[in-house]
Structures are given as structure tokens and as C-alpha cells.
Amino acid sequence: MKNENWTVIQAMRHARHDWMNQIQLIKGFMALGKLEDAERVIETAILQARQEAHLCNLRLPNFAEKLLTFNWEERSFQLEYEVLDHETSVNIQDEWLSEWIDSLFHLIERHIKRYGDNLLSLSIDKADEGLRFFFEFSGIIQNEQLLLEDITSQLEASYVQQWKIHEHSSQEFLFEVVL
């Protein structure tokens, strides 16, 4: 399901479904007497809620919505994100950033195995020049060289202030971008 404009009802339905899954896990672990596992699920839920709040505090509503709803849609990879400096205020155009990240996600999807165990971890942090994004992909890359060329082309053609590819192989791709 690709939905560009989530209604409040649709968003609530997905959020409620996610929370119910976590509550069911907690109840299941407690029923089995696995309190440490239940505690782990609770801590994960708390950390996730904090990260969602940090993301929303960037005051980039379109960008935040993209990341918050990404895993609700059928995608070729799962997305995890972390906002490292939750006091960050940024001077980036929200609409442009949303379109840029969306095109980057689509680019990555074109070069990975569709039903592989694919994960993209995104860390967001303040930089002297703007906002730093650190991308760490792990999964099955179908054509590593073509992905490298396409990402390089996108980073050179956009309003990226700095970028660096740290590592790449057929199973992982690490790069950072400052906007």
C-alpha cells in the first residue's frame, strides 16, 4: 500500500496495530514467566516512542511523516531511525528534504532483493554545516556497483553540502550526507 496522504483514521489504525502487537508480546512473555523478555519489549517501546518524539521535534512535519509511516507500507526494506541530538533545530526546507529522502529510498529499493532481509538504519545528527544523515544498509544488494554509481550520482546532483561513502559490499552499504 503506497499512501502519500494518510488520513487521521488510517494513521491511528496503523499506530494502534503496532502498539497492540507490542502489548501482545509483553502479555505473552509475562504469561510464560519470561519477565526479562517482557521488560526488553517495554524498553524497546519506550525508546521507539522517544525517537518518534525527537523526530517530530525537528519541526520537519513532512519528513517526520515519511519516516514514521515508512514501515506501514509494503517496502523492500525496513527502516530504523535515531535522532541523536533531540535539541536540534534545522534550517532545511521540509518539502525538499521529504522529496530527497523519498527518492533516495526508491533508489535503494531498485538495487536490493525485494523479499530479502533488508534493513536501513538512519542516524540523524546536528552538524556545523547543517544536518548529518548516516545511512547503514544491511541486506542483499543485487548490483553493488550500480547502486554505488546511482547513489553517487544523486548525491552529486542534489543540494548536498558534503557526502562520503564509508563502506560497500554485496551485503552492506554505509554512507553519510550533510545537508
Protein backbone atom coordinates (compact mmCIF):
# COMPACT_ATOMS: atom_id res chain seq x y z
CA MET A 1 0.00 0.00 0.00
CA LYS A 2 1.51 3.29 -1.12
CA ASN A 3 -0.34 6.16 0.52
CA GLU A 4 1.00 9.66 0.11
CA ASN A 5 -1.67 11.31 2.27
CA TRP A 6 -2.55 9.42 5.41
CA THR A 7 -5.89 10.25 6.98
CA VAL A 8 -6.04 10.51 10.75
CA ILE A 9 -8.09 7.29 10.83
CA GLN A 10 -5.53 5.37 8.72
CA ALA A 11 -2.63 6.63 10.82
CA MET A 12 -4.41 5.75 14.06
CA ARG A 13 -5.24 2.29 12.72
CA HIS A 14 -1.58 1.56 11.93
CA ALA A 15 -0.28 3.05 15.18
CA ARG A 16 -2.86 1.13 17.21
CA HIS A 17 -1.92 -2.09 15.39
CA ASP A 18 1.78 -1.55 16.21
CA TRP A 19 1.02 -0.88 19.89
CA MET A 20 -1.30 -3.89 20.13
CA ASN A 21 1.47 -6.11 18.73
CA GLN A 22 3.83 -4.87 21.43
CA ILE A 23 1.24 -5.33 24.18
CA GLN A 24 0.53 -8.88 22.99
CA LEU A 25 4.26 -9.66 23.09
CA ILE A 26 4.51 -8.32 26.63
CA LYS A 27 1.45 -10.29 27.77
CA GLY A 28 2.78 -13.45 26.12
CA PHE A 29 6.18 -13.16 27.78
CA MET A 30 4.56 -12.45 31.14
CA ALA A 31 2.23 -15.46 30.80
CA LEU A 32 5.28 -17.63 30.14
CA GLY A 33 7.08 -16.15 33.13
CA LYS A 34 9.70 -14.53 30.89
CA LEU A 35 9.79 -11.19 32.68
CA GLU A 36 13.19 -10.20 31.26
CA ASP A 37 11.85 -10.59 27.72
CA ALA A 38 8.73 -8.59 28.63
CA GLU A 39 10.95 -5.87 30.10
CA ARG A 40 13.03 -5.81 26.90
CA VAL A 41 9.88 -5.26 24.78
CA ILE A 42 8.76 -2.47 27.14
CA GLU A 43 12.17 -0.75 26.96
CA THR A 44 12.17 -1.04 23.16
CA ALA A 45 8.71 0.56 23.00
CA ILE A 46 9.84 3.40 25.27
CA LEU A 47 12.95 4.04 23.16
CA GLN A 48 10.87 3.99 19.98
CA ALA A 49 8.37 6.49 21.42
CA ARG A 50 11.22 8.80 22.45
CA GLN A 51 12.74 8.62 18.97
CA GLU A 52 9.37 9.43 17.42
CA ALA A 53 9.14 12.49 19.68
CA HIS A 54 12.71 13.57 18.81
CA LEU A 55 11.90 13.19 15.11
CA CYS A 56 8.76 15.32 15.45
CA ASN A 57 10.72 17.95 17.41
CA LEU A 58 12.90 18.61 14.34
CA ARG A 59 9.93 20.65 13.08
CA LEU A 60 10.03 18.94 9.70
CA PRO A 61 6.49 17.52 9.57
CA ASN A 62 6.58 16.07 6.05
CA PHE A 63 9.96 14.45 6.65
CA ALA A 64 8.81 13.09 10.02
CA GLU A 65 5.67 11.66 8.44
CA LYS A 66 7.75 9.89 5.77
CA LEU A 67 9.89 8.17 8.39
CA LEU A 68 7.06 7.46 10.83
CA THR A 69 4.87 5.79 8.20
CA PHE A 70 7.59 4.16 6.08
CA ASN A 71 7.26 0.67 7.59
CA TRP A 72 3.47 0.78 7.31
CA GLU A 73 3.74 0.43 3.56
CA GLU A 74 4.93 -2.57 1.56
CA ARG A 75 8.62 -1.84 1.06
CA SER A 76 11.76 -3.78 0.12
CA PHE A 77 13.49 -2.87 3.36
CA GLN A 78 12.65 -1.99 6.94
CA LEU A 79 13.66 1.44 8.22
CA GLU A 80 15.04 2.25 11.66
CA TYR A 81 15.96 5.78 12.61
CA GLU A 82 17.57 7.57 15.51
CA VAL A 83 17.74 11.30 16.19
CA LEU A 84 20.99 11.73 18.11
CA ASP A 85 20.59 15.38 19.11
CA HIS A 86 16.97 15.93 20.09
CA GLU A 87 17.59 19.64 20.69
CA THR A 88 18.44 20.15 17.02
CA SER A 89 16.75 22.97 15.17
CA VAL A 90 17.37 22.94 11.45
CA ASN A 91 17.21 25.32 8.56
CA ILE A 92 16.22 22.89 5.82
CA GLN A 93 13.16 23.09 3.61
CA ASP A 94 10.86 20.33 4.80
CA GLU A 95 9.24 19.63 1.43
CA TRP A 96 12.60 19.41 -0.36
CA LEU A 97 14.04 17.09 2.33
CA SER A 98 10.98 14.82 2.12
CA GLU A 99 11.27 14.53 -1.64
CA TRP A 100 15.05 13.97 -1.42
CA ILE A 101 14.77 11.17 1.15
CA ASP A 102 11.90 9.58 -0.77
CA SER A 103 13.93 9.50 -4.00
CA LEU A 104 16.91 8.06 -2.10
CA PHE A 105 14.71 5.31 -0.61
CA HIS A 106 13.33 4.45 -4.08
CA LEU A 107 16.85 4.36 -5.48
CA ILE A 108 17.92 1.88 -2.79
CA GLU A 109 14.82 -0.24 -3.40
CA ARG A 110 15.69 -0.56 -7.09
CA HIS A 111 19.01 -2.23 -6.26
CA ILE A 112 18.14 -4.68 -3.48
CA LYS A 113 16.49 -8.08 -3.40
CA ARG A 114 12.78 -7.47 -2.98
CA TYR A 115 12.00 -10.07 -0.34
CA GLY A 116 15.39 -10.17 1.33
CA ASP A 117 16.08 -9.46 4.98
CA ASN A 118 16.92 -5.81 4.29
CA LEU A 119 17.34 -3.07 6.89
CA LEU A 120 18.27 0.59 6.54
CA SER A 121 19.36 2.31 9.75
CA LEU A 122 19.37 6.09 9.61
CA SER A 123 21.03 8.27 12.25
CA ILE A 124 20.29 12.00 12.22
CA ASP A 125 22.56 14.45 14.00
CA LYS A 126 23.39 18.12 14.02
CA ALA A 127 26.47 19.19 12.07
CA ASP A 128 28.20 22.57 11.89
CA GLU A 129 27.11 22.87 8.26
CA GLY A 130 23.54 21.63 8.72
CA LEU A 131 22.06 18.23 9.40
CA ARG A 132 24.08 14.99 9.14
CA PHE A 133 22.48 11.75 7.99
CA PHE A 134 24.33 8.48 8.44
CA PHE A 135 22.88 5.61 6.39
CA GLU A 136 23.72 1.99 7.15
CA PHE A 137 22.12 -0.61 4.89
CA SER A 138 22.41 -4.33 5.53
CA GLY A 139 20.76 -6.89 3.31
CA ILE A 140 21.01 -8.27 -0.19
CA ILE A 141 22.25 -5.80 -2.81
CA GLN A 142 21.68 -7.14 -6.31
CA ASN A 143 24.18 -4.91 -8.11
CA GLU A 144 26.59 -3.21 -5.74
CA GLN A 145 28.43 -1.24 -8.43
CA LEU A 146 25.23 0.13 -9.97
CA LEU A 147 23.93 1.14 -6.52
CA LEU A 148 27.23 2.91 -5.84
CA GLU A 149 27.04 4.77 -9.16
CA ASP A 150 23.39 5.78 -8.68
CA ILE A 151 23.86 6.99 -5.11
CA THR A 152 26.99 8.91 -6.12
CA SER A 153 25.08 10.50 -8.98
CA GLN A 154 22.20 11.52 -6.72
CA LEU A 155 24.50 12.96 -4.07
CA GLU A 156 26.49 14.96 -6.61
CA ALA A 157 23.37 16.31 -8.31
CA SER A 158 21.44 17.43 -5.24
CA TYR A 159 21.91 20.17 -2.66
CA VAL A 160 24.21 18.03 -0.58
CA GLN A 161 26.93 20.02 1.18
CA GLN A 162 29.13 17.03 2.00
CA TRP A 163 28.95 13.30 1.48
CA LYS A 164 31.13 10.28 1.96
CA ILE A 165 30.72 6.59 1.20
CA HIS A 166 32.36 4.68 4.03
CA GLU A 167 31.90 1.08 3.00
CA HIS A 168 30.08 -1.00 0.44
CA SER A 169 29.74 -4.67 -0.42
CA SER A 170 27.07 -7.00 -1.73
CA GLN A 171 25.53 -7.08 1.77
CA GLU A 172 26.09 -3.63 3.25
CA PHE A 173 26.36 -0.02 2.25
CA LEU A 174 27.40 2.79 4.64
CA PHE A 175 27.42 6.46 3.73
CA GLU A 176 26.85 9.85 5.28
CA VAL A 177 25.41 13.07 3.97
CA VAL A 178 25.36 16.62 5.31
CA LEU A 179 22.51 18.84 4.11
